[in-house]
Amino acid sequence: MAGSGDRTALETIQADGTDGNCVTFVLHDEDHTLGNSLRYMVMKNPDVEFCGYCITHPSESKINFRIQTRGALPAVEPFRKGLNDLMAVCQHVLSTFERSMKEYRAQREEEMQ
């Protein structure tokens, strides 16, 4: 992480009186781009009761990302799954784009000949 010094990219804050099912993840050097897409992926999980995020202040580049689950499921599980699912979607988009560009370039080369 560029320019972060010795600060970690992720911190967790567990709500008092919970068993890890209500956690706020503090993500440094992130904004709405990750926050909103990750929130969407996490909310697809039926075991998640609440998921939301906020930007702490416009001059700070960090978000507070909160997850509360139903029952005994630790909040870190849907957080991890949401990140993995989001990475899979991004990889699919990238692969589709690269394949389309390759096809387009091949078509253009055929037209030039």
C-alpha atoms as a PDB file:
ATOM      1  CA  MET A   1       0.000   0.000   0.000  1.00  0.00           C
ATOM      2  CA  ALA A   2       1.666   3.181  -1.187  1.00  0.00           C
ATOM      3  CA  GLY A   3       2.230   5.960   1.300  1.00  0.00           C
ATOM      4  CA  SER A   4       0.692   4.179   4.256  1.00  0.00           C
ATOM      5  CA  GLY A   5       3.802   3.983   6.400  1.00  0.00           C
ATOM      6  CA  ASP A   6       3.455   1.408   9.167  1.00  0.00           C
ATOM      7  CA  ARG A   7      -0.358   1.612   9.298  1.00  0.00           C
ATOM      8  CA  THR A   8      -2.227  -1.595   8.462  1.00  0.00           C
ATOM      9  CA  ALA A   9      -4.723  -1.626   5.590  1.00  0.00           C
ATOM     10  CA  LEU A  10      -7.449  -3.232   7.722  1.00  0.00           C
ATOM     11  CA  GLU A  11      -8.531  -2.811  11.328  1.00  0.00           C
ATOM     12  CA  THR A  12     -11.479  -4.438  13.078  1.00  0.00           C
ATOM     13  CA  ILE A  13     -13.671  -3.039  15.832  1.00  0.00           C
ATOM     14  CA  GLN A  14     -15.992  -5.520  17.522  1.00  0.00           C
ATOM     15  CA  ALA A  15     -19.209  -4.198  19.047  1.00  0.00           C
ATOM     16  CA  ASP A  16     -19.456  -4.610  22.825  1.00  0.00           C
ATOM     17  CA  GLY A  17     -21.493  -7.595  23.975  1.00  0.00           C
ATOM     18  CA  THR A  18     -21.247  -9.510  20.689  1.00  0.00           C
ATOM     19  CA  ASP A  19     -19.491 -12.749  19.824  1.00  0.00           C
ATOM     20  CA  GLY A  20     -17.943 -11.467  16.621  1.00  0.00           C
ATOM     21  CA  ASN A  21     -21.228 -11.320  14.732  1.00  0.00           C
ATOM     22  CA  CYS A  22     -21.197  -7.494  14.682  1.00  0.00           C
ATOM     23  CA  VAL A  23     -17.913  -6.012  13.470  1.00  0.00           C
ATOM     24  CA  THR A  24     -16.785  -2.758  11.892  1.00  0.00           C
ATOM     25  CA  PHE A  25     -13.906  -3.161   9.464  1.00  0.00           C
ATOM     26  CA  VAL A  26     -11.855  -0.007   8.947  1.00  0.00           C
ATOM     27  CA  LEU A  27     -10.393  -0.054   5.421  1.00  0.00           C
ATOM     28  CA  HIS A  28      -7.644   2.489   4.829  1.00  0.00           C
ATOM     29  CA  ASP A  29      -6.989   4.079   1.426  1.00  0.00           C
ATOM     30  CA  GLU A  30     -10.431   3.050   0.128  1.00  0.00           C
ATOM     31  CA  ASP A  31     -13.567   4.916  -0.919  1.00  0.00           C
ATOM     32  CA  HIS A  32     -17.053   4.405  -2.404  1.00  0.00           C
ATOM     33  CA  THR A  33     -15.648   2.293  -5.253  1.00  0.00           C
ATOM     34  CA  LEU A  34     -14.886  -0.616  -2.944  1.00  0.00           C
ATOM     35  CA  GLY A  35     -17.425   0.245  -0.254  1.00  0.00           C
ATOM     36  CA  ASN A  36     -20.551   0.173  -2.382  1.00  0.00           C
ATOM     37  CA  SER A  37     -19.609  -2.846  -4.514  1.00  0.00           C
ATOM     38  CA  LEU A  38     -18.517  -4.853  -1.460  1.00  0.00           C
ATOM     39  CA  ARG A  39     -21.702  -3.898   0.387  1.00  0.00           C
ATOM     40  CA  TYR A  40     -23.734  -5.234  -2.543  1.00  0.00           C
ATOM     41  CA  MET A  41     -21.841  -8.548  -2.555  1.00  0.00           C
ATOM     42  CA  VAL A  42     -22.080  -9.017   1.222  1.00  0.00           C
ATOM     43  CA  MET A  43     -25.826  -8.232   1.304  1.00  0.00           C
ATOM     44  CA  LYS A  44     -26.469 -11.147  -1.089  1.00  0.00           C
ATOM     45  CA  ASN A  45     -25.657 -13.460   1.840  1.00  0.00           C
ATOM     46  CA  PRO A  46     -28.914 -14.455   3.618  1.00  0.00           C
ATOM     47  CA  ASP A  47     -27.051 -14.796   6.948  1.00  0.00           C
ATOM     48  CA  VAL A  48     -26.225 -11.070   6.943  1.00  0.00           C
ATOM     49  CA  GLU A  49     -28.696  -8.994   8.934  1.00  0.00           C
ATOM     50  CA  PHE A  50     -27.066  -5.607   8.277  1.00  0.00           C
ATOM     51  CA  CYS A  51     -24.259  -4.347   6.092  1.00  0.00           C
ATOM     52  CA  GLY A  52     -23.331  -0.745   5.476  1.00  0.00           C
ATOM     53  CA  TYR A  53     -20.400   1.573   5.161  1.00  0.00           C
ATOM     54  CA  CYS A  54     -19.568   5.215   5.601  1.00  0.00           C
ATOM     55  CA  ILE A  55     -16.739   7.522   4.647  1.00  0.00           C
ATOM     56  CA  THR A  56     -15.398   8.908   7.902  1.00  0.00           C
ATOM     57  CA  HIS A  57     -14.557  12.366   6.526  1.00  0.00           C
ATOM     58  CA  PRO A  58     -13.905  13.755   3.021  1.00  0.00           C
ATOM     59  CA  SER A  59     -10.301  14.555   3.936  1.00  0.00           C
ATOM     60  CA  GLU A  60      -9.620  10.990   5.143  1.00  0.00           C
ATOM     61  CA  SER A  61      -9.251   8.110   2.713  1.00  0.00           C
ATOM     62  CA  LYS A  62     -10.829   5.359   4.779  1.00  0.00           C
ATOM     63  CA  ILE A  63     -14.191   3.717   5.179  1.00  0.00           C
ATOM     64  CA  ASN A  64     -15.932   2.087   8.106  1.00  0.00           C
ATOM     65  CA  PHE A  65     -17.573  -1.086   6.824  1.00  0.00           C
ATOM     66  CA  ARG A  66     -20.000  -2.705   9.287  1.00  0.00           C
ATOM     67  CA  ILE A  67     -21.440  -6.209   9.116  1.00  0.00           C
ATOM     68  CA  GLN A  68     -23.933  -7.776  11.507  1.00  0.00           C
ATOM     69  CA  THR A  69     -24.875 -11.420  11.019  1.00  0.00           C
ATOM     70  CA  ARG A  70     -27.735 -13.538  12.242  1.00  0.00           C
ATOM     71  CA  GLY A  71     -26.950 -16.179  14.836  1.00  0.00           C
ATOM     72  CA  ALA A  72     -23.420 -17.276  15.616  1.00  0.00           C
ATOM     73  CA  LEU A  73     -21.854 -16.705  12.182  1.00  0.00           C
ATOM     74  CA  PRO A  74     -18.751 -14.512  12.630  1.00  0.00           C
ATOM     75  CA  ALA A  75     -18.955 -11.291  10.606  1.00  0.00           C
ATOM     76  CA  VAL A  76     -15.524 -11.942   9.143  1.00  0.00           C
ATOM     77  CA  GLU A  77     -16.916 -14.885   7.119  1.00  0.00           C
ATOM     78  CA  PRO A  78     -19.338 -12.889   4.910  1.00  0.00           C
ATOM     79  CA  PHE A  79     -16.683 -10.143   4.688  1.00  0.00           C
ATOM     80  CA  ARG A  80     -14.146 -12.640   3.319  1.00  0.00           C
ATOM     81  CA  LYS A  81     -16.721 -14.231   0.996  1.00  0.00           C
ATOM     82  CA  GLY A  82     -17.807 -10.814  -0.279  1.00  0.00           C
ATOM     83  CA  LEU A  83     -14.216  -9.879  -1.113  1.00  0.00           C
ATOM     84  CA  ASN A  84     -13.620 -13.212  -2.890  1.00  0.00           C
ATOM     85  CA  ASP A  85     -16.886 -12.926  -4.836  1.00  0.00           C
ATOM     86  CA  LEU A  86     -16.048  -9.358  -5.841  1.00  0.00           C
ATOM     87  CA  MET A  87     -12.593 -10.435  -7.039  1.00  0.00           C
ATOM     88  CA  ALA A  88     -14.220 -13.200  -9.120  1.00  0.00           C
ATOM     89  CA  VAL A  89     -16.610 -10.702 -10.743  1.00  0.00           C
ATOM     90  CA  CYS A  90     -13.730  -8.327 -11.510  1.00  0.00           C
ATOM     91  CA  GLN A  91     -11.702 -11.169 -13.022  1.00  0.00           C
ATOM     92  CA  HIS A  92     -14.661 -12.172 -15.192  1.00  0.00           C
ATOM     93  CA  VAL A  93     -15.110  -8.594 -16.432  1.00  0.00           C
ATOM     94  CA  LEU A  94     -11.387  -8.296 -17.193  1.00  0.00           C
ATOM     95  CA  SER A  95     -11.277 -11.643 -19.036  1.00  0.00           C
ATOM     96  CA  THR A  96     -14.356 -10.759 -21.086  1.00  0.00           C
ATOM     97  CA  PHE A  97     -12.909  -7.359 -21.982  1.00  0.00           C
ATOM     98  CA  GLU A  98      -9.528  -8.795 -22.998  1.00  0.00           C
ATOM     99  CA  ARG A  99     -11.174 -11.510 -25.107  1.00  0.00           C
ATOM    100  CA  SER A 100     -13.374  -8.932 -26.849  1.00  0.00           C
ATOM    101  CA  MET A 101     -10.390  -6.680 -27.546  1.00  0.00           C
ATOM    102  CA  LYS A 102      -8.462  -9.597 -29.032  1.00  0.00           C
ATOM    103  CA  GLU A 103     -11.415 -10.475 -31.285  1.00  0.00           C
ATOM    104  CA  TYR A 104     -11.820  -6.830 -32.305  1.00  0.00           C
ATOM    105  CA  ARG A 105      -8.130  -6.473 -33.207  1.00  0.00           C
ATOM    106  CA  ALA A 106      -8.214  -9.702 -35.229  1.00  0.00           C
ATOM    107  CA  GLN A 107     -11.282  -8.470 -37.089  1.00  0.00           C
ATOM    108  CA  ARG A 108      -9.633  -5.112 -37.823  1.00  0.00           C
ATOM    109  CA  GLU A 109      -6.502  -6.856 -39.161  1.00  0.00           C
ATOM    110  CA  GLU A 110      -8.650  -8.963 -41.500  1.00  0.00           C
ATOM    111  CA  GLU A 111     -10.401  -5.837 -42.776  1.00  0.00           C
ATOM    112  CA  MET A 112      -7.052  -4.124 -43.456  1.00  0.00           C
ATOM    113  CA  GLN A 113      -5.827  -6.969 -45.673  1.00  0.00           C
END
